[in-house]
Amino acid sequence: MKKIINLLVGSEENNQRVDVFINKKESSLSRTRIKNLILNKKLKLNSKILISPAKKVLTGDSLMLEIPVPKIASLKPYKFELNIIYEDKDLLIIDKPAGIIMHPGAGNYDNTIVNALI
């Protein structure tokens, strides 16, 4: 289930960047994560969608930030020919080609080296 965070700007926060303001109030969210949520139209400022992390907030502004449910990595096998340089019971060394993601995350959940190892 998505999480909704509602914030109200107080006089001491007047004229702060919206991403900085949210980060100070919700320290569990990194500024990069906040920026990405804003750019993906997940923030409303006074009931209007905001797409600029640099926008300054004013006293009395109302913010509503929607945090979607994180996608879970599928870890489905990916048929990909790995060039194995060395392998023993504790270690695997591969020649990783450019352009293939190492592990699932941040929008890349399938077709990674980890998926190829399954």
PDB file of N, CA and C in Angstrom:
ATOM      1  N   MET A   1       0.838  -1.181   0.000  1.00  0.00           N
ATOM      2  CA  MET A   1       0.000   0.000   0.000  1.00  0.00           C
ATOM      3  C   MET A   1       0.882   1.242   0.000  1.00  0.00           C
ATOM      4  N   LYS A   2       0.500   2.230  -0.815  1.00  0.00           N
ATOM      5  CA  LYS A   2       1.304   3.447  -0.869  1.00  0.00           C
ATOM      6  C   LYS A   2       1.181   4.234   0.433  1.00  0.00           C
ATOM      7  N   LYS A   3       2.188   5.039   0.694  1.00  0.00           N
ATOM      8  CA  LYS A   3       2.222   5.857   1.898  1.00  0.00           C
ATOM      9  C   LYS A   3       2.010   7.313   1.486  1.00  0.00           C
ATOM     10  N   ILE A   4       1.196   8.032   2.233  1.00  0.00           N
ATOM     11  CA  ILE A   4       0.957   9.449   1.983  1.00  0.00           C
ATOM     12  C   ILE A   4       1.519  10.236   3.164  1.00  0.00           C
ATOM     13  N   ILE A   5       2.335  11.239   2.852  1.00  0.00           N
ATOM     14  CA  ILE A   5       2.894  12.114   3.883  1.00  0.00           C
ATOM     15  C   ILE A   5       2.326  13.512   3.656  1.00  0.00           C
ATOM     16  N   ASN A   6       1.677  14.057   4.682  1.00  0.00           N
ATOM     17  CA  ASN A   6       1.140  15.417   4.623  1.00  0.00           C
ATOM     18  C   ASN A   6       1.979  16.309   5.524  1.00  0.00           C
ATOM     19  N   LEU A   7       2.407  17.439   4.982  1.00  0.00           N
ATOM     20  CA  LEU A   7       3.244  18.373   5.734  1.00  0.00           C
ATOM     21  C   LEU A   7       2.700  19.789   5.580  1.00  0.00           C
ATOM     22  N   LEU A   8       2.875  20.590   6.609  1.00  0.00           N
ATOM     23  CA  LEU A   8       2.483  21.991   6.591  1.00  0.00           C
ATOM     24  C   LEU A   8       3.725  22.822   6.889  1.00  0.00           C
ATOM     25  N   VAL A   9       3.955  23.845   6.083  1.00  0.00           N
ATOM     26  CA  VAL A   9       5.151  24.679   6.229  1.00  0.00           C
ATOM     27  C   VAL A   9       4.916  25.715   7.324  1.00  0.00           C
ATOM     28  N   GLY A  10       5.796  25.702   8.325  1.00  0.00           N
ATOM     29  CA  GLY A  10       5.735  26.688   9.397  1.00  0.00           C
ATOM     30  C   GLY A  10       6.574  27.914   9.062  1.00  0.00           C
ATOM     31  N   SER A  11       6.468  28.949   9.869  1.00  0.00           N
ATOM     32  CA  SER A  11       7.183  30.206   9.596  1.00  0.00           C
ATOM     33  C   SER A  11       8.698  30.020   9.608  1.00  0.00           C
ATOM     34  N   GLU A  12       9.195  29.085  10.430  1.00  0.00           N
ATOM     35  CA  GLU A  12      10.643  28.862  10.496  1.00  0.00           C
ATOM     36  C   GLU A  12      11.181  28.159   9.245  1.00  0.00           C
ATOM     37  N   GLU A  13      10.298  27.575   8.435  1.00  0.00           N
ATOM     38  CA  GLU A  13      10.728  26.890   7.206  1.00  0.00           C
ATOM     39  C   GLU A  13      10.460  27.716   5.956  1.00  0.00           C
ATOM     40  N   ASN A  14       9.948  28.912   6.119  1.00  0.00           N
ATOM     41  CA  ASN A  14       9.617  29.776   4.985  1.00  0.00           C
ATOM     42  C   ASN A  14      10.815  29.954   4.053  1.00  0.00           C
ATOM     43  N   ASN A  15      10.555  29.846   2.772  1.00  0.00           N
ATOM     44  CA  ASN A  15      11.540  30.108   1.709  1.00  0.00           C
ATOM     45  C   ASN A  15      12.620  29.027   1.571  1.00  0.00           C
ATOM     46  N   GLN A  16      12.384  27.839   2.122  1.00  0.00           N
ATOM     47  CA  GLN A  16      13.304  26.715   1.913  1.00  0.00           C
ATOM     48  C   GLN A  16      12.940  26.010   0.610  1.00  0.00           C
ATOM     49  N   ARG A  17      13.937  25.370  -0.002  1.00  0.00           N
ATOM     50  CA  ARG A  17      13.648  24.505  -1.149  1.00  0.00           C
ATOM     51  C   ARG A  17      12.742  23.372  -0.671  1.00  0.00           C
ATOM     52  N   VAL A  18      11.806  22.971  -1.516  1.00  0.00           N
ATOM     53  CA  VAL A  18      10.848  21.937  -1.125  1.00  0.00           C
ATOM     54  C   VAL A  18      11.538  20.606  -0.825  1.00  0.00           C
ATOM     55  N   ASP A  19      12.582  20.247  -1.599  1.00  0.00           N
ATOM     56  CA  ASP A  19      13.270  18.976  -1.336  1.00  0.00           C
ATOM     57  C   ASP A  19      14.016  19.006  -0.006  1.00  0.00           C
ATOM     58  N   VAL A  20      14.596  20.147   0.332  1.00  0.00           N
ATOM     59  CA  VAL A  20      15.302  20.301   1.613  1.00  0.00           C
ATOM     60  C   VAL A  20      14.292  20.246   2.764  1.00  0.00           C
ATOM     61  N   PHE A  21      13.175  20.945   2.595  1.00  0.00           N
ATOM     62  CA  PHE A  21      12.117  20.953   3.616  1.00  0.00           C
ATOM     63  C   PHE A  21      11.625  19.534   3.911  1.00  0.00           C
ATOM     64  N   ILE A  22      11.308  18.780   2.854  1.00  0.00           N
ATOM     65  CA  ILE A  22      10.804  17.414   3.046  1.00  0.00           C
ATOM     66  C   ILE A  22      11.868  16.542   3.703  1.00  0.00           C
ATOM     67  N   ASN A  23      13.129  16.687   3.276  1.00  0.00           N
ATOM     68  CA  ASN A  23      14.217  15.890   3.844  1.00  0.00           C
ATOM     69  C   ASN A  23      14.398  16.164   5.334  1.00  0.00           C
ATOM     70  N   LYS A  24      14.229  17.408   5.751  1.00  0.00           N
ATOM     71  CA  LYS A  24      14.355  17.739   7.177  1.00  0.00           C
ATOM     72  C   LYS A  24      13.204  17.147   7.987  1.00  0.00           C
ATOM     73  N   LYS A  25      12.032  17.086   7.391  1.00  0.00           N
ATOM     74  CA  LYS A  25      10.857  16.552   8.089  1.00  0.00           C
ATOM     75  C   LYS A  25      10.799  15.023   8.041  1.00  0.00           C
ATOM     76  N   GLU A  26      11.277  14.454   6.957  1.00  0.00           N
ATOM     77  CA  GLU A  26      11.236  12.998   6.747  1.00  0.00           C
ATOM     78  C   GLU A  26      12.661  12.512   6.478  1.00  0.00           C
ATOM     79  N   SER A  27      13.463  12.400   7.518  1.00  0.00           N
ATOM     80  CA  SER A  27      14.883  12.077   7.353  1.00  0.00           C
ATOM     81  C   SER A  27      15.124  10.675   6.792  1.00  0.00           C
ATOM     82  N   SER A  28      14.094   9.834   6.784  1.00  0.00           N
ATOM     83  CA  SER A  28      14.261   8.490   6.216  1.00  0.00           C
ATOM     84  C   SER A  28      14.315   8.524   4.689  1.00  0.00           C
ATOM     85  N   LEU A  29      13.918   9.654   4.098  1.00  0.00           N
ATOM     86  CA  LEU A  29      13.956   9.805   2.638  1.00  0.00           C
ATOM     87  C   LEU A  29      15.181  10.620   2.243  1.00  0.00           C
ATOM     88  N   SER A  30      15.988  10.098   1.345  1.00  0.00           N
ATOM     89  CA  SER A  30      17.147  10.852   0.864  1.00  0.00           C
ATOM     90  C   SER A  30      16.670  11.968  -0.062  1.00  0.00           C
ATOM     91  N   ARG A  31      17.498  12.984  -0.246  1.00  0.00           N
ATOM     92  CA  ARG A  31      17.124  14.064  -1.170  1.00  0.00           C
ATOM     93  C   ARG A  31      17.010  13.543  -2.588  1.00  0.00           C
ATOM     94  N   THR A  32      17.819  12.549  -2.943  1.00  0.00           N
ATOM     95  CA  THR A  32      17.721  11.956  -4.280  1.00  0.00           C
ATOM     96  C   THR A  32      16.375  11.271  -4.446  1.00  0.00           C
ATOM     97  N   ARG A  33      15.949  10.518  -3.438  1.00  0.00           N
ATOM     98  CA  ARG A  33      14.639   9.843  -3.499  1.00  0.00           C
ATOM     99  C   ARG A  33      13.518  10.876  -3.585  1.00  0.00           C
ATOM    100  N   ILE A  34      13.617  11.936  -2.786  1.00  0.00           N
ATOM    101  CA  ILE A  34      12.612  13.001  -2.810  1.00  0.00           C
ATOM    102  C   ILE A  34      12.568  13.648  -4.187  1.00  0.00           C
ATOM    103  N   LYS A  35      13.732  13.953  -4.747  1.00  0.00           N
ATOM    104  CA  LYS A  35      13.797  14.558  -6.084  1.00  0.00           C
ATOM    105  C   LYS A  35      13.111  13.661  -7.112  1.00  0.00           C
ATOM    106  N   ASN A  36      13.398  12.357  -7.070  1.00  0.00           N
ATOM    107  CA  ASN A  36      12.788  11.427  -8.024  1.00  0.00           C
ATOM    108  C   ASN A  36      11.278  11.352  -7.847  1.00  0.00           C
ATOM    109  N   LEU A  37      10.797  11.371  -6.615  1.00  0.00           N
ATOM    110  CA  LEU A  37       9.355  11.374  -6.375  1.00  0.00           C
ATOM    111  C   LEU A  37       8.721  12.637  -6.951  1.00  0.00           C
ATOM    112  N   ILE A  38       9.378  13.775  -6.751  1.00  0.00           N
ATOM    113  CA  ILE A  38       8.860  15.041  -7.287  1.00  0.00           C
ATOM    114  C   ILE A  38       8.833  15.004  -8.807  1.00  0.00           C
ATOM    115  N   LEU A  39       9.924  14.566  -9.422  1.00  0.00           N
ATOM    116  CA  LEU A  39       9.994  14.509 -10.885  1.00  0.00           C
ATOM    117  C   LEU A  39       8.981  13.526 -11.468  1.00  0.00           C
ATOM    118  N   ASN A  40       8.575  12.538 -10.666  1.00  0.00           N
ATOM    119  CA  ASN A  40       7.563  11.572 -11.097  1.00  0.00           C
ATOM    120  C   ASN A  40       6.149  11.980 -10.676  1.00  0.00           C
ATOM    121  N   LYS A  41       5.991  13.259 -10.369  1.00  0.00           N
ATOM    122  CA  LYS A  41       4.676  13.859 -10.081  1.00  0.00           C
ATOM    123  C   LYS A  41       3.981  13.240  -8.874  1.00  0.00           C
ATOM    124  N   LYS A  42       4.749  12.957  -7.837  1.00  0.00           N
ATOM    125  CA  LYS A  42       4.191  12.360  -6.623  1.00  0.00           C
ATOM    126  C   LYS A  42       4.033  13.380  -5.495  1.00  0.00           C
ATOM    127  N   LEU A  43       4.293  14.662  -5.786  1.00  0.00           N
ATOM    128  CA  LEU A  43       4.169  15.707  -4.769  1.00  0.00           C
ATOM    129  C   LEU A  43       3.138  16.733  -5.205  1.00  0.00           C
ATOM    130  N   LYS A  44       2.254  17.084  -4.269  1.00  0.00           N
ATOM    131  CA  LYS A  44       1.303  18.169  -4.509  1.00  0.00           C
ATOM    132  C   LYS A  44       1.611  19.283  -3.522  1.00  0.00           C
ATOM    133  N   LEU A  45       1.692  20.494  -4.056  1.00  0.00           N
ATOM    134  CA  LEU A  45       1.880  21.699  -3.251  1.00  0.00           C
ATOM    135  C   LEU A  45       0.580  22.479  -3.351  1.00  0.00           C
ATOM    136  N   ASN A  46      -0.105  22.636  -2.224  1.00  0.00           N
ATOM    137  CA  ASN A  46      -1.408  23.311  -2.212  1.00  0.00           C
ATOM    138  C   ASN A  46      -2.353  22.708  -3.253  1.00  0.00           C
ATOM    139  N   SER A  47      -2.403  21.374  -3.289  1.00  0.00           N
ATOM    140  CA  SER A  47      -3.291  20.579  -4.160  1.00  0.00           C
ATOM    141  C   SER A  47      -2.932  20.603  -5.638  1.00  0.00           C
ATOM    142  N   LYS A  48      -1.785  21.182  -6.001  1.00  0.00           N
ATOM    143  CA  LYS A  48      -1.338  21.193  -7.398  1.00  0.00           C
ATOM    144  C   LYS A  48      -0.044  20.398  -7.515  1.00  0.00           C
ATOM    145  N   ILE A  49       0.049  19.575  -8.567  1.00  0.00           N
ATOM    146  CA  ILE A  49       1.252  18.766  -8.775  1.00  0.00           C
ATOM    147  C   ILE A  49       2.457  19.678  -8.967  1.00  0.00           C
ATOM    148  N   LEU A  50       3.530  19.342  -8.277  1.00  0.00           N
ATOM    149  CA  LEU A  50       4.779  20.104  -8.364  1.00  0.00           C
ATOM    150  C   LEU A  50       5.847  19.211  -8.974  1.00  0.00           C
ATOM    151  N   ILE A  51       6.618  19.747  -9.924  1.00  0.00           N
ATOM    152  CA  ILE A  51       7.666  18.937 -10.563  1.00  0.00           C
ATOM    153  C   ILE A  51       9.049  19.579 -10.461  1.00  0.00           C
ATOM    154  N   SER A  52       9.194  20.562  -9.574  1.00  0.00           N
ATOM    155  CA  SER A  52      10.493  21.216  -9.400  1.00  0.00           C
ATOM    156  C   SER A  52      10.985  21.048  -7.962  1.00  0.00           C
ATOM    157  N   PRO A  53      12.058  20.260  -7.762  1.00  0.00           N
ATOM    158  CA  PRO A  53      12.599  20.089  -6.415  1.00  0.00           C
ATOM    159  C   PRO A  53      13.163  21.384  -5.829  1.00  0.00           C
ATOM    160  N   ALA A  54      13.455  22.361  -6.693  1.00  0.00           N
ATOM    161  CA  ALA A  54      14.054  23.614  -6.240  1.00  0.00           C
ATOM    162  C   ALA A  54      13.015  24.659  -5.836  1.00  0.00           C
ATOM    163  N   LYS A  55      11.743  24.378  -6.030  1.00  0.00           N
ATOM    164  CA  LYS A  55      10.675  25.322  -5.685  1.00  0.00           C
ATOM    165  C   LYS A  55      10.758  25.670  -4.207  1.00  0.00           C
ATOM    166  N   LYS A  56      10.594  26.950  -3.897  1.00  0.00           N
ATOM    167  CA  LYS A  56      10.633  27.405  -2.505  1.00  0.00           C
ATOM    168  C   LYS A  56       9.240  27.295  -1.887  1.00  0.00           C
ATOM    169  N   VAL A  57       9.197  26.816  -0.655  1.00  0.00           N
ATOM    170  CA  VAL A  57       7.929  26.727   0.060  1.00  0.00           C
ATOM    171  C   VAL A  57       7.736  27.981   0.900  1.00  0.00           C
ATOM    172  N   LEU A  58       6.478  28.299   1.145  1.00  0.00           N
ATOM    173  CA  LEU A  58       6.136  29.485   1.918  1.00  0.00           C
ATOM    174  C   LEU A  58       5.319  29.088   3.142  1.00  0.00           C
ATOM    175  N   THR A  59       5.366  29.918   4.163  1.00  0.00           N
ATOM    176  CA  THR A  59       4.601  29.665   5.377  1.00  0.00           C
ATOM    177  C   THR A  59       3.141  29.392   5.023  1.00  0.00           C
ATOM    178  N   GLY A  60       2.611  28.316   5.578  1.00  0.00           N
ATOM    179  CA  GLY A  60       1.213  27.956   5.329  1.00  0.00           C
ATOM    180  C   GLY A  60       1.001  27.017   4.164  1.00  0.00           C
ATOM    181  N   ASP A  61       2.039  26.788   3.344  1.00  0.00           N
ATOM    182  CA  ASP A  61       1.905  25.848   2.227  1.00  0.00           C
ATOM    183  C   ASP A  61       1.615  24.451   2.760  1.00  0.00           C
ATOM    184  N   SER A  62       0.798  23.729   2.019  1.00  0.00           N
ATOM    185  CA  SER A  62       0.441  22.357   2.359  1.00  0.00           C
ATOM    186  C   SER A  62       1.043  21.421   1.317  1.00  0.00           C
ATOM    187  N   LEU A  63       1.752  20.403   1.786  1.00  0.00           N
ATOM    188  CA  LEU A  63       2.388  19.436   0.887  1.00  0.00           C
ATOM    189  C   LEU A  63       1.795  18.054   1.115  1.00  0.00           C
ATOM    190  N   MET A  64       1.589  17.330   0.015  1.00  0.00           N
ATOM    191  CA  MET A  64       1.162  15.938   0.096  1.00  0.00           C
ATOM    192  C   MET A  64       2.089  15.133  -0.800  1.00  0.00           C
ATOM    193  N   LEU A  65       2.877  14.259  -0.199  1.00  0.00           N
ATOM    194  CA  LEU A  65       3.840  13.433  -0.919  1.00  0.00           C
ATOM    195  C   LEU A  65       3.359  11.989  -0.915  1.00  0.00           C
ATOM    196  N   GLU A  66       3.252  11.421  -2.118  1.00  0.00           N
ATOM    197  CA  GLU A  66       2.835  10.024  -2.262  1.00  0.00           C
ATOM    198  C   GLU A  66       4.076   9.168  -2.475  1.00  0.00           C
ATOM    199  N   ILE A  67       4.244   8.178  -1.626  1.00  0.00           N
ATOM    200  CA  ILE A  67       5.369   7.256  -1.760  1.00  0.00           C
ATOM    201  C   ILE A  67       4.802   5.913  -2.198  1.00  0.00           C
ATOM    202  N   PRO A  68       5.021   5.543  -3.477  1.00  0.00           N
ATOM    203  CA  PRO A  68       4.466   4.288  -3.979  1.00  0.00           C
ATOM    204  C   PRO A  68       5.081   3.076  -3.289  1.00  0.00           C
ATOM    205  N   VAL A  69       4.356   1.980  -3.367  1.00  0.00           N
ATOM    206  CA  VAL A  69       4.863   0.713  -2.841  1.00  0.00           C
ATOM    207  C   VAL A  69       6.103   0.344  -3.644  1.00  0.00           C
ATOM    208  N   PRO A  70       7.216   0.024  -2.981  1.00  0.00           N
ATOM    209  CA  PRO A  70       8.428  -0.346  -3.722  1.00  0.00           C
ATOM    210  C   PRO A  70       8.204  -1.615  -4.538  1.00  0.00           C
ATOM    211  N   LYS A  71       8.763  -1.618  -5.722  1.00  0.00           N
ATOM    212  CA  LYS A  71       8.692  -2.817  -6.548  1.00  0.00           C
ATOM    213  C   LYS A  71       9.647  -3.853  -5.964  1.00  0.00           C
ATOM    214  N   ILE A  72       9.221  -5.071  -5.996  1.00  0.00           N
ATOM    215  CA  ILE A  72      10.043  -6.161  -5.475  1.00  0.00           C
ATOM    216  C   ILE A  72      10.778  -6.808  -6.643  1.00  0.00           C
ATOM    217  N   ALA A  73      12.061  -6.980  -6.459  1.00  0.00           N
ATOM    218  CA  ALA A  73      12.860  -7.618  -7.511  1.00  0.00           C
ATOM    219  C   ALA A  73      12.336  -9.029  -7.754  1.00  0.00           C
ATOM    220  N   SER A  74      12.219  -9.365  -9.001  1.00  0.00           N
ATOM    221  CA  SER A  74      11.636 -10.659  -9.351  1.00  0.00           C
ATOM    222  C   SER A  74      12.619 -11.804  -9.157  1.00  0.00           C
ATOM    223  N   LEU A  75      13.867 -11.537  -9.392  1.00  0.00           N
ATOM    224  CA  LEU A  75      14.908 -12.553  -9.375  1.00  0.00           C
ATOM    225  C   LEU A  75      14.520 -13.759 -10.226  1.00  0.00           C
ATOM    226  N   LYS A  76      13.966 -13.453 -11.383  1.00  0.00           N
ATOM    227  CA  LYS A  76      13.673 -14.490 -12.364  1.00  0.00           C
ATOM    228  C   LYS A  76      14.955 -14.793 -13.121  1.00  0.00           C
ATOM    229  N   PRO A  77      15.176 -16.050 -13.442  1.00  0.00           N
ATOM    230  CA  PRO A  77      16.370 -16.391 -14.218  1.00  0.00           C
ATOM    231  C   PRO A  77      16.401 -15.640 -15.550  1.00  0.00           C
ATOM    232  N   TYR A  78      17.599 -15.245 -15.935  1.00  0.00           N
ATOM    233  CA  TYR A  78      17.822 -14.521 -17.183  1.00  0.00           C
ATOM    234  C   TYR A  78      18.856 -15.313 -17.971  1.00  0.00           C
ATOM    235  N   LYS A  79      18.483 -15.745 -19.154  1.00  0.00           N
ATOM    236  CA  LYS A  79      19.400 -16.538 -19.970  1.00  0.00           C
ATOM    237  C   LYS A  79      20.411 -15.585 -20.605  1.00  0.00           C
ATOM    238  N   PHE A  80      21.618 -15.627 -20.084  1.00  0.00           N
ATOM    239  CA  PHE A  80      22.686 -14.748 -20.548  1.00  0.00           C
ATOM    240  C   PHE A  80      23.999 -15.509 -20.409  1.00  0.00           C
ATOM    241  N   GLU A  81      24.768 -15.533 -21.448  1.00  0.00           N
ATOM    242  CA  GLU A  81      26.045 -16.254 -21.454  1.00  0.00           C
ATOM    243  C   GLU A  81      27.090 -15.444 -20.688  1.00  0.00           C
ATOM    244  N   LEU A  82      27.493 -15.952 -19.527  1.00  0.00           N
ATOM    245  CA  LEU A  82      28.508 -15.282 -18.714  1.00  0.00           C
ATOM    246  C   LEU A  82      29.896 -15.771 -19.107  1.00  0.00           C
ATOM    247  N   ASN A  83      30.827 -14.840 -19.221  1.00  0.00           N
ATOM    248  CA  ASN A  83      32.223 -15.180 -19.498  1.00  0.00           C
ATOM    249  C   ASN A  83      32.924 -15.340 -18.145  1.00  0.00           C
ATOM    250  N   ILE A  84      32.993 -16.581 -17.657  1.00  0.00           N
ATOM    251  CA  ILE A  84      33.572 -16.857 -16.339  1.00  0.00           C
ATOM    252  C   ILE A  84      35.087 -16.965 -16.462  1.00  0.00           C
ATOM    253  N   ILE A  85      35.776 -16.104 -15.713  1.00  0.00           N
ATOM    254  CA  ILE A  85      37.241 -16.072 -15.698  1.00  0.00           C
ATOM    255  C   ILE A  85      37.786 -17.067 -14.669  1.00  0.00           C
ATOM    256  N   TYR A  86      37.163 -17.092 -13.491  1.00  0.00           N
ATOM    257  CA  TYR A  86      37.619 -17.971 -12.414  1.00  0.00           C
ATOM    258  C   TYR A  86      36.423 -18.303 -11.529  1.00  0.00           C
ATOM    259  N   GLU A  87      36.422 -19.521 -10.996  1.00  0.00           N
ATOM    260  CA  GLU A  87      35.342 -19.931 -10.104  1.00  0.00           C
ATOM    261  C   GLU A  87      35.861 -20.971  -9.121  1.00  0.00           C
ATOM    262  N   ASP A  88      35.518 -20.789  -7.844  1.00  0.00           N
ATOM    263  CA  ASP A  88      35.732 -21.830  -6.841  1.00  0.00           C
ATOM    264  C   ASP A  88      34.513 -21.807  -5.919  1.00  0.00           C
ATOM    265  N   LYS A  89      34.566 -22.510  -4.796  1.00  0.00           N
ATOM    266  CA  LYS A  89      33.381 -22.603  -3.944  1.00  0.00           C
ATOM    267  C   LYS A  89      33.005 -21.276  -3.273  1.00  0.00           C
ATOM    268  N   ASP A  90      33.940 -20.324  -3.207  1.00  0.00           N
ATOM    269  CA  ASP A  90      33.690 -19.054  -2.531  1.00  0.00           C
ATOM    270  C   ASP A  90      33.678 -17.844  -3.454  1.00  0.00           C
ATOM    271  N   LEU A  91      34.119 -18.008  -4.686  1.00  0.00           N
ATOM    272  CA  LEU A  91      34.385 -16.844  -5.525  1.00  0.00           C
ATOM    273  C   LEU A  91      34.037 -17.118  -6.980  1.00  0.00           C
ATOM    274  N   LEU A  92      33.493 -16.096  -7.620  1.00  0.00           N
ATOM    275  CA  LEU A  92      33.215 -16.162  -9.053  1.00  0.00           C
ATOM    276  C   LEU A  92      33.695 -14.861  -9.672  1.00  0.00           C
ATOM    277  N   ILE A  93      34.564 -14.959 -10.648  1.00  0.00           N
ATOM    278  CA  ILE A  93      35.056 -13.780 -11.361  1.00  0.00           C
ATOM    279  C   ILE A  93      34.564 -13.890 -12.795  1.00  0.00           C
ATOM    280  N   ILE A  94      33.868 -12.825 -13.238  1.00  0.00           N
ATOM    281  CA  ILE A  94      33.370 -12.809 -14.612  1.00  0.00           C
ATOM    282  C   ILE A  94      33.920 -11.602 -15.351  1.00  0.00           C
ATOM    283  N   ASP A  95      33.903 -11.679 -16.655  1.00  0.00           N
ATOM    284  CA  ASP A  95      34.216 -10.532 -17.508  1.00  0.00           C
ATOM    285  C   ASP A  95      32.868  -9.905 -17.848  1.00  0.00           C
ATOM    286  N   LYS A  96      32.482  -8.889 -17.091  1.00  0.00           N
ATOM    287  CA  LYS A  96      31.167  -8.266 -17.256  1.00  0.00           C
ATOM    288  C   LYS A  96      31.181  -7.307 -18.436  1.00  0.00           C
ATOM    289  N   PRO A  97      30.313  -7.548 -19.403  1.00  0.00           N
ATOM    290  CA  PRO A  97      30.251  -6.629 -20.537  1.00  0.00           C
ATOM    291  C   PRO A  97      29.605  -5.300 -20.140  1.00  0.00           C
ATOM    292  N   ALA A  98      29.991  -4.241 -20.822  1.00  0.00           N
ATOM    293  CA  ALA A  98      29.386  -2.931 -20.588  1.00  0.00           C
ATOM    294  C   ALA A  98      27.913  -2.986 -20.955  1.00  0.00           C
ATOM    295  N   GLY A  99      27.116  -2.238 -20.222  1.00  0.00           N
ATOM    296  CA  GLY A  99      25.710  -2.117 -20.568  1.00  0.00           C
ATOM    297  C   GLY A  99      24.763  -3.041 -19.843  1.00  0.00           C
ATOM    298  N   ILE A 100      25.266  -4.053 -19.166  1.00  0.00           N
ATOM    299  CA  ILE A 100      24.370  -4.930 -18.400  1.00  0.00           C
ATOM    300  C   ILE A 100      24.476  -4.548 -16.928  1.00  0.00           C
ATOM    301  N   ILE A 101      23.324  -4.423 -16.302  1.00  0.00           N
ATOM    302  CA  ILE A 101      23.255  -4.016 -14.901  1.00  0.00           C
ATOM    303  C   ILE A 101      23.712  -5.174 -14.011  1.00  0.00           C
ATOM    304  N   MET A 102      24.416  -4.842 -12.935  1.00  0.00           N
ATOM    305  CA  MET A 102      24.958  -5.870 -12.043  1.00  0.00           C
ATOM    306  C   MET A 102      23.875  -6.538 -11.198  1.00  0.00           C
ATOM    307  N   HIS A 103      22.999  -5.737 -10.568  1.00  0.00           N
ATOM    308  CA  HIS A 103      21.973  -6.295  -9.688  1.00  0.00           C
ATOM    309  C   HIS A 103      20.692  -5.476  -9.793  1.00  0.00           C
ATOM    310  N   PRO A 104      19.553  -6.062  -9.406  1.00  0.00           N
ATOM    311  CA  PRO A 104      18.286  -5.336  -9.486  1.00  0.00           C
ATOM    312  C   PRO A 104      18.279  -4.109  -8.580  1.00  0.00           C
ATOM    313  N   GLY A 105      17.557  -3.091  -9.015  1.00  0.00           N
ATOM    314  CA  GLY A 105      17.377  -1.892  -8.213  1.00  0.00           C
ATOM    315  C   GLY A 105      17.139  -0.672  -9.069  1.00  0.00           C
ATOM    316  N   ALA A 106      16.524   0.346  -8.470  1.00  0.00           N
ATOM    317  CA  ALA A 106      16.302   1.660  -9.084  1.00  0.00           C
ATOM    318  C   ALA A 106      15.798   1.587 -10.516  1.00  0.00           C
ATOM    319  N   GLY A 107      14.743   0.842 -10.725  1.00  0.00           N
ATOM    320  CA  GLY A 107      14.132   0.783 -12.048  1.00  0.00           C
ATOM    321  C   GLY A 107      14.617  -0.347 -12.931  1.00  0.00           C
ATOM    322  N   ASN A 108      15.668  -1.037 -12.528  1.00  0.00           N
ATOM    323  CA  ASN A 108      16.180  -2.184 -13.289  1.00  0.00           C
ATOM    324  C   ASN A 108      16.016  -3.433 -12.428  1.00  0.00           C
ATOM    325  N   TYR A 109      14.955  -4.183 -12.695  1.00  0.00           N
ATOM    326  CA  TYR A 109      14.631  -5.314 -11.830  1.00  0.00           C
ATOM    327  C   TYR A 109      14.907  -6.670 -12.464  1.00  0.00           C
ATOM    328  N   ASP A 110      15.043  -6.700 -13.779  1.00  0.00           N
ATOM    329  CA  ASP A 110      15.257  -7.959 -14.485  1.00  0.00           C
ATOM    330  C   ASP A 110      16.461  -7.813 -15.408  1.00  0.00           C
ATOM    331  N   ASN A 111      16.872  -8.909 -15.991  1.00  0.00           N
ATOM    332  CA  ASN A 111      17.965  -8.915 -16.978  1.00  0.00           C
ATOM    333  C   ASN A 111      19.255  -8.311 -16.422  1.00  0.00           C
ATOM    334  N   THR A 112      19.618  -8.743 -15.223  1.00  0.00           N
ATOM    335  CA  THR A 112      20.853  -8.299 -14.583  1.00  0.00           C
ATOM    336  C   THR A 112      21.805  -9.490 -14.446  1.00  0.00           C
ATOM    337  N   ILE A 113      23.028  -9.209 -14.044  1.00  0.00           N
ATOM    338  CA  ILE A 113      23.989 -10.291 -13.795  1.00  0.00           C
ATOM    339  C   ILE A 113      23.461 -11.227 -12.705  1.00  0.00           C
ATOM    340  N   VAL A 114      22.871 -10.661 -11.655  1.00  0.00           N
ATOM    341  CA  VAL A 114      22.311 -11.503 -10.591  1.00  0.00           C
ATOM    342  C   VAL A 114      21.263 -12.450 -11.165  1.00  0.00           C
ATOM    343  N   ASN A 115      20.380 -11.940 -12.033  1.00  0.00           N
ATOM    344  CA  ASN A 115      19.373 -12.805 -12.662  1.00  0.00           C
ATOM    345  C   ASN A 115      20.038 -13.885 -13.509  1.00  0.00           C
ATOM    346  N   ALA A 116      21.136 -13.548 -14.165  1.00  0.00           N
ATOM    347  CA  ALA A 116      21.844 -14.515 -15.009  1.00  0.00           C
ATOM    348  C   ALA A 116      22.504 -15.609 -14.173  1.00  0.00           C
ATOM    349  N   LEU A 117      22.823 -15.316 -12.921  1.00  0.00           N
ATOM    350  CA  LEU A 117      23.465 -16.301 -12.050  1.00  0.00           C
ATOM    351  C   LEU A 117      22.475 -17.295 -11.443  1.00  0.00           C
ATOM    352  N   ILE A 118      21.202 -17.008 -11.519  1.00  0.00           N
ATOM    353  CA  ILE A 118      20.184 -17.890 -10.923  1.00  0.00           C
ATOM    354  C   ILE A 118      20.005 -19.122 -11.784  1.00  0.00           C
TER     355      ILE A 118
END
